[in-house]
């Protein structure tokens, strides 16, 4: 990312009242590494992976809840331990 964008993002985070650790984390996350390697694509990949994981969790819950509700014969059966 461009240095101006990195600095403006960290300044905006500081103005928003975020703690110093968050501001430093934002600055380090958006700043290019040694030799100018871009980290934006890695950040985008991480966000996409977390979003895909969320979609899978929701899809599994949507598929499992009706089966769980249909399988029990009385309320509270799923909570019975002994």
C-alpha atoms as a PDB file:
ATOM      1  CA  UNK A   1       0.000   0.000   0.000  1.00  0.00           C
ATOM      2  CA  UNK A   2       1.071   3.555  -0.497  1.00  0.00           C
ATOM      3  CA  UNK A   3       2.819   5.102   2.516  1.00  0.00           C
ATOM      4  CA  UNK A   4       0.336   7.986   2.557  1.00  0.00           C
ATOM      5  CA  UNK A   5      -2.557   5.527   2.855  1.00  0.00           C
ATOM      6  CA  UNK A   6      -0.846   3.621   5.658  1.00  0.00           C
ATOM      7  CA  UNK A   7      -0.181   6.789   7.608  1.00  0.00           C
ATOM      8  CA  UNK A   8      -3.678   8.180   7.025  1.00  0.00           C
ATOM      9  CA  UNK A   9      -5.261   4.896   8.144  1.00  0.00           C
ATOM     10  CA  UNK A  10      -3.219   4.825  11.326  1.00  0.00           C
ATOM     11  CA  UNK A  11      -3.945   8.527  11.979  1.00  0.00           C
ATOM     12  CA  UNK A  12      -7.671   7.901  11.481  1.00  0.00           C
ATOM     13  CA  UNK A  13      -7.514   5.007  13.923  1.00  0.00           C
ATOM     14  CA  UNK A  14      -5.751   7.205  16.471  1.00  0.00           C
ATOM     15  CA  UNK A  15      -8.338   9.977  16.027  1.00  0.00           C
ATOM     16  CA  UNK A  16     -11.112   7.405  16.508  1.00  0.00           C
ATOM     17  CA  UNK A  17      -9.740   6.759  19.977  1.00  0.00           C
ATOM     18  CA  UNK A  18      -8.433   3.254  19.394  1.00  0.00           C
ATOM     19  CA  UNK A  19      -5.735   2.097  21.816  1.00  0.00           C
ATOM     20  CA  UNK A  20      -2.106   2.494  20.836  1.00  0.00           C
ATOM     21  CA  UNK A  21      -1.742  -1.257  20.282  1.00  0.00           C
ATOM     22  CA  UNK A  22      -4.535  -1.185  17.683  1.00  0.00           C
ATOM     23  CA  UNK A  23      -3.030   1.825  15.909  1.00  0.00           C
ATOM     24  CA  UNK A  24       0.384   0.164  15.782  1.00  0.00           C
ATOM     25  CA  UNK A  25      -1.220  -3.084  14.579  1.00  0.00           C
ATOM     26  CA  UNK A  26      -3.049  -1.273  11.776  1.00  0.00           C
ATOM     27  CA  UNK A  27       0.133   0.480  10.745  1.00  0.00           C
ATOM     28  CA  UNK A  28       2.136  -2.766  10.711  1.00  0.00           C
ATOM     29  CA  UNK A  29      -0.629  -4.655   8.896  1.00  0.00           C
ATOM     30  CA  UNK A  30      -0.822  -2.124   6.062  1.00  0.00           C
ATOM     31  CA  UNK A  31       2.860  -1.245   5.801  1.00  0.00           C
ATOM     32  CA  UNK A  32       4.979  -3.044   3.245  1.00  0.00           C
ATOM     33  CA  UNK A  33       7.541  -5.464   4.579  1.00  0.00           C
ATOM     34  CA  UNK A  34      11.276  -5.416   4.003  1.00  0.00           C
ATOM     35  CA  UNK A  35      12.083  -5.101   0.352  1.00  0.00           C
ATOM     36  CA  UNK A  36       8.649  -3.676  -0.423  1.00  0.00           C
ATOM     37  CA  UNK A  37       6.657  -6.913  -0.421  1.00  0.00           C
ATOM     38  CA  UNK A  38       2.948  -6.123  -0.588  1.00  0.00           C
ATOM     39  CA  UNK A  39       0.894  -7.366   2.316  1.00  0.00           C
ATOM     40  CA  UNK A  40      -2.461  -6.195   0.979  1.00  0.00           C
ATOM     41  CA  UNK A  41      -3.046  -9.410  -0.957  1.00  0.00           C
ATOM     42  CA  UNK A  42      -2.293 -11.504   2.123  1.00  0.00           C
ATOM     43  CA  UNK A  43      -4.701  -9.360   4.145  1.00  0.00           C
ATOM     44  CA  UNK A  44      -7.382  -9.737   1.479  1.00  0.00           C
ATOM     45  CA  UNK A  45      -6.822 -13.504   1.373  1.00  0.00           C
ATOM     46  CA  UNK A  46      -7.209 -13.741   5.135  1.00  0.00           C
ATOM     47  CA  UNK A  47     -10.468 -11.762   5.070  1.00  0.00           C
ATOM     48  CA  UNK A  48     -11.818 -13.962   2.280  1.00  0.00           C
ATOM     49  CA  UNK A  49     -10.865 -17.149   4.157  1.00  0.00           C
ATOM     50  CA  UNK A  50     -12.619 -15.995   7.325  1.00  0.00           C
ATOM     51  CA  UNK A  51     -15.709 -15.040   5.313  1.00  0.00           C
ATOM     52  CA  UNK A  52     -15.742 -18.448   3.602  1.00  0.00           C
ATOM     53  CA  UNK A  53     -15.449 -20.155   6.974  1.00  0.00           C
ATOM     54  CA  UNK A  54     -18.413 -18.130   8.226  1.00  0.00           C
ATOM     55  CA  UNK A  55     -20.482 -19.182   5.215  1.00  0.00           C
ATOM     56  CA  UNK A  56     -19.655 -22.843   5.865  1.00  0.00           C
ATOM     57  CA  UNK A  57     -20.636 -22.562   9.534  1.00  0.00           C
ATOM     58  CA  UNK A  58     -23.969 -20.945   8.680  1.00  0.00           C
ATOM     59  CA  UNK A  59     -24.681 -23.526   5.974  1.00  0.00           C
ATOM     60  CA  UNK A  60     -24.001 -26.381   8.393  1.00  0.00           C
ATOM     61  CA  UNK A  61     -26.226 -24.847  11.053  1.00  0.00           C
ATOM     62  CA  UNK A  62     -29.051 -24.300   8.569  1.00  0.00           C
ATOM     63  CA  UNK A  63     -28.783 -27.940   7.485  1.00  0.00           C
ATOM     64  CA  UNK A  64     -28.486 -29.410  10.997  1.00  0.00           C
ATOM     65  CA  UNK A  65     -31.109 -27.516  13.015  1.00  0.00           C
ATOM     66  CA  UNK A  66     -34.219 -28.929  11.271  1.00  0.00           C
ATOM     67  CA  UNK A  67     -32.873 -32.479  11.625  1.00  0.00           C
ATOM     68  CA  UNK A  68     -32.137 -31.936  15.312  1.00  0.00           C
ATOM     69  CA  UNK A  69     -35.585 -30.497  15.952  1.00  0.00           C
ATOM     70  CA  UNK A  70     -37.315 -33.346  14.091  1.00  0.00           C
ATOM     71  CA  UNK A  71     -35.320 -36.084  15.869  1.00  0.00           C
ATOM     72  CA  UNK A  72     -36.261 -35.233  19.449  1.00  0.00           C
ATOM     73  CA  UNK A  73     -39.501 -36.509  20.890  1.00  0.00           C
ATOM     74  CA  UNK A  74     -39.884 -34.176  23.901  1.00  0.00           C
ATOM     75  CA  UNK A  75     -38.554 -30.774  24.827  1.00  0.00           C
ATOM     76  CA  UNK A  76     -35.349 -30.908  26.804  1.00  0.00           C
ATOM     77  CA  UNK A  77     -34.306 -34.322  25.514  1.00  0.00           C
ATOM     78  CA  UNK A  78     -31.131 -32.931  23.991  1.00  0.00           C
ATOM     79  CA  UNK A  79     -30.142 -31.491  27.376  1.00  0.00           C
ATOM     80  CA  UNK A  80     -30.629 -34.719  29.338  1.00  0.00           C
ATOM     81  CA  UNK A  81     -27.302 -36.064  30.609  1.00  0.00           C
ATOM     82  CA  UNK A  82     -28.185 -39.313  32.289  1.00  0.00           C
END
